[in-house]
Amino acid sequence: MLGKILIGSISFGKFTTKRVELLKSNGCVIINNPYSHALKEKELLQIISDIDGIITGMDQLSERVIASSKKLKIISKHGVGIDNININAAIKKGIDY
């Protein structure tokens, strides 16, 4: 298993499942956003500790969320802009983005 990937972006895989199936076929376990909105800090804090990677849309990847991640190795942005991601916190923790 390559790891657990959280798909926070509510539009990722909405029109085609090709990318999700590619991740699965390469050994990733997919955790889908259980809400119909971007994940808030409080929601992310409940699940981030066991996640290896995240495909984020507008989910709030605050310094606190990133600090709470124990296994996070990569943040992939689905969409435009990175103002919802605390890049400095990710860099300090050695997380690729």
C-alpha atoms as a PDB file:
ATOM      1  CA  MET A   1       0.000   0.000   0.000  1.00  0.00           C
ATOM      2  CA  LEU A   2       1.360   3.405  -0.961  1.00  0.00           C
ATOM      3  CA  GLY A   3      -0.706   5.219   1.608  1.00  0.00           C
ATOM      4  CA  LYS A   4      -3.960   6.856   2.496  1.00  0.00           C
ATOM      5  CA  ILE A   5      -4.958   9.721   0.261  1.00  0.00           C
ATOM      6  CA  LEU A   6      -7.617  12.131   1.446  1.00  0.00           C
ATOM      7  CA  ILE A   7      -9.591  13.679  -1.386  1.00  0.00           C
ATOM      8  CA  GLY A   8     -10.793  16.885   0.180  1.00  0.00           C
ATOM      9  CA  SER A   9     -11.710  18.602  -3.070  1.00  0.00           C
ATOM     10  CA  ILE A  10     -15.407  18.016  -3.650  1.00  0.00           C
ATOM     11  CA  SER A  11     -14.982  18.337  -7.427  1.00  0.00           C
ATOM     12  CA  PHE A  12     -12.001  15.969  -7.842  1.00  0.00           C
ATOM     13  CA  GLY A  13     -13.253  12.843  -9.576  1.00  0.00           C
ATOM     14  CA  LYS A  14     -16.735  14.307 -10.030  1.00  0.00           C
ATOM     15  CA  PHE A  15     -16.763  14.146 -13.825  1.00  0.00           C
ATOM     16  CA  THR A  16     -14.436  11.196 -14.290  1.00  0.00           C
ATOM     17  CA  THR A  17     -13.139   8.569 -11.896  1.00  0.00           C
ATOM     18  CA  LYS A  18     -10.066   7.894 -14.042  1.00  0.00           C
ATOM     19  CA  ARG A  19      -7.622   9.651 -11.659  1.00  0.00           C
ATOM     20  CA  VAL A  20      -9.147   8.061  -8.557  1.00  0.00           C
ATOM     21  CA  GLU A  21      -8.945   4.613 -10.166  1.00  0.00           C
ATOM     22  CA  LEU A  22      -5.302   5.285 -11.087  1.00  0.00           C
ATOM     23  CA  LEU A  23      -4.494   6.036  -7.448  1.00  0.00           C
ATOM     24  CA  LYS A  24      -6.300   2.893  -6.292  1.00  0.00           C
ATOM     25  CA  SER A  25      -4.599   0.695  -8.899  1.00  0.00           C
ATOM     26  CA  ASN A  26      -1.248   1.931  -7.596  1.00  0.00           C
ATOM     27  CA  GLY A  27      -1.994   0.820  -4.052  1.00  0.00           C
ATOM     28  CA  CYS A  28      -3.499   3.947  -2.529  1.00  0.00           C
ATOM     29  CA  VAL A  29      -6.392   3.805  -0.130  1.00  0.00           C
ATOM     30  CA  ILE A  30      -8.793   6.635  -0.913  1.00  0.00           C
ATOM     31  CA  ILE A  31     -10.565   8.547   1.838  1.00  0.00           C
ATOM     32  CA  ASN A  32     -13.284  10.756   0.384  1.00  0.00           C
ATOM     33  CA  ASN A  33     -14.469  14.005   1.891  1.00  0.00           C
ATOM     34  CA  PRO A  34     -17.607  12.964   3.813  1.00  0.00           C
ATOM     35  CA  TYR A  35     -19.114  16.462   3.568  1.00  0.00           C
ATOM     36  CA  SER A  36     -20.462  18.486   0.673  1.00  0.00           C
ATOM     37  CA  HIS A  37     -18.199  21.425   1.497  1.00  0.00           C
ATOM     38  CA  ALA A  38     -14.506  22.190   1.813  1.00  0.00           C
ATOM     39  CA  LEU A  39     -13.093  20.652   4.976  1.00  0.00           C
ATOM     40  CA  LYS A  40     -12.744  23.066   7.847  1.00  0.00           C
ATOM     41  CA  GLU A  41      -9.877  23.028  10.318  1.00  0.00           C
ATOM     42  CA  LYS A  42     -11.951  21.242  12.973  1.00  0.00           C
ATOM     43  CA  GLU A  43     -12.932  18.486  10.525  1.00  0.00           C
ATOM     44  CA  LEU A  44      -9.399  18.045   9.222  1.00  0.00           C
ATOM     45  CA  LEU A  45      -7.985  17.793  12.739  1.00  0.00           C
ATOM     46  CA  GLN A  46     -10.159  14.710  13.291  1.00  0.00           C
ATOM     47  CA  ILE A  47      -8.735  12.779  10.322  1.00  0.00           C
ATOM     48  CA  ILE A  48      -5.355  14.216   9.289  1.00  0.00           C
ATOM     49  CA  SER A  49      -3.141  12.187  11.640  1.00  0.00           C
ATOM     50  CA  ASP A  50      -3.507   8.996   9.589  1.00  0.00           C
ATOM     51  CA  ILE A  51      -3.290  10.555   6.096  1.00  0.00           C
ATOM     52  CA  ASP A  52      -0.222  10.243   3.828  1.00  0.00           C
ATOM     53  CA  GLY A  53      -1.375  12.652   1.119  1.00  0.00           C
ATOM     54  CA  ILE A  54      -4.178  15.082   0.420  1.00  0.00           C
ATOM     55  CA  ILE A  55      -5.757  16.343  -2.772  1.00  0.00           C
ATOM     56  CA  THR A  56      -7.153  19.633  -1.580  1.00  0.00           C
ATOM     57  CA  GLY A  57      -9.524  22.120  -3.069  1.00  0.00           C
ATOM     58  CA  MET A  58     -10.376  24.890  -0.630  1.00  0.00           C
ATOM     59  CA  ASP A  59      -9.870  22.804   2.523  1.00  0.00           C
ATOM     60  CA  GLN A  60      -8.298  24.794   5.347  1.00  0.00           C
ATOM     61  CA  LEU A  61      -4.775  23.393   5.729  1.00  0.00           C
ATOM     62  CA  SER A  62      -3.776  25.644   8.591  1.00  0.00           C
ATOM     63  CA  GLU A  63      -0.566  25.534  10.583  1.00  0.00           C
ATOM     64  CA  ARG A  64      -2.431  23.616  13.272  1.00  0.00           C
ATOM     65  CA  VAL A  65      -3.715  21.001  10.798  1.00  0.00           C
ATOM     66  CA  ILE A  66      -0.288  20.511   9.257  1.00  0.00           C
ATOM     67  CA  ALA A  67       1.362  20.279  12.692  1.00  0.00           C
ATOM     68  CA  SER A  68      -1.188  17.608  13.676  1.00  0.00           C
ATOM     69  CA  SER A  69      -0.398  15.459  10.649  1.00  0.00           C
ATOM     70  CA  LYS A  70       1.838  12.570  11.604  1.00  0.00           C
ATOM     71  CA  LYS A  71       2.294  10.930   8.196  1.00  0.00           C
ATOM     72  CA  LEU A  72       1.495  13.648   5.638  1.00  0.00           C
ATOM     73  CA  LYS A  73       4.081  13.663   2.847  1.00  0.00           C
ATOM     74  CA  ILE A  74       2.391  15.576   0.038  1.00  0.00           C
ATOM     75  CA  ILE A  75      -0.287  18.201  -0.540  1.00  0.00           C
ATOM     76  CA  SER A  76      -1.716  18.377  -4.053  1.00  0.00           C
ATOM     77  CA  LYS A  77      -3.855  21.363  -4.954  1.00  0.00           C
ATOM     78  CA  HIS A  78      -6.862  20.727  -7.188  1.00  0.00           C
ATOM     79  CA  GLY A  79      -7.795  24.151  -8.463  1.00  0.00           C
ATOM     80  CA  VAL A  80      -6.307  27.611  -8.412  1.00  0.00           C
ATOM     81  CA  GLY A  81      -4.467  29.403  -5.629  1.00  0.00           C
ATOM     82  CA  ILE A  82      -2.787  28.224  -2.467  1.00  0.00           C
ATOM     83  CA  ASP A  83      -4.031  30.745   0.074  1.00  0.00           C
ATOM     84  CA  ASN A  84      -5.860  27.973   1.972  1.00  0.00           C
ATOM     85  CA  ILE A  85      -2.576  26.110   2.569  1.00  0.00           C
ATOM     86  CA  ASN A  86      -0.060  27.241   5.165  1.00  0.00           C
ATOM     87  CA  ILE A  87       2.983  26.761   2.932  1.00  0.00           C
ATOM     88  CA  ASN A  88       5.477  27.777   5.641  1.00  0.00           C
ATOM     89  CA  ALA A  89       4.134  25.098   7.990  1.00  0.00           C
ATOM     90  CA  ALA A  90       4.353  22.500   5.198  1.00  0.00           C
ATOM     91  CA  ILE A  91       7.939  23.490   4.373  1.00  0.00           C
ATOM     92  CA  LYS A  92       8.976  23.323   8.047  1.00  0.00           C
ATOM     93  CA  LYS A  93       7.540  19.814   8.272  1.00  0.00           C
ATOM     94  CA  GLY A  94       9.162  18.663   5.011  1.00  0.00           C
ATOM     95  CA  ILE A  95       5.859  18.147   3.198  1.00  0.00           C
ATOM     96  CA  ASP A  96       5.917  18.478  -0.596  1.00  0.00           C
ATOM     97  CA  TYR A  97       3.281  20.573  -2.277  1.00  0.00           C
END
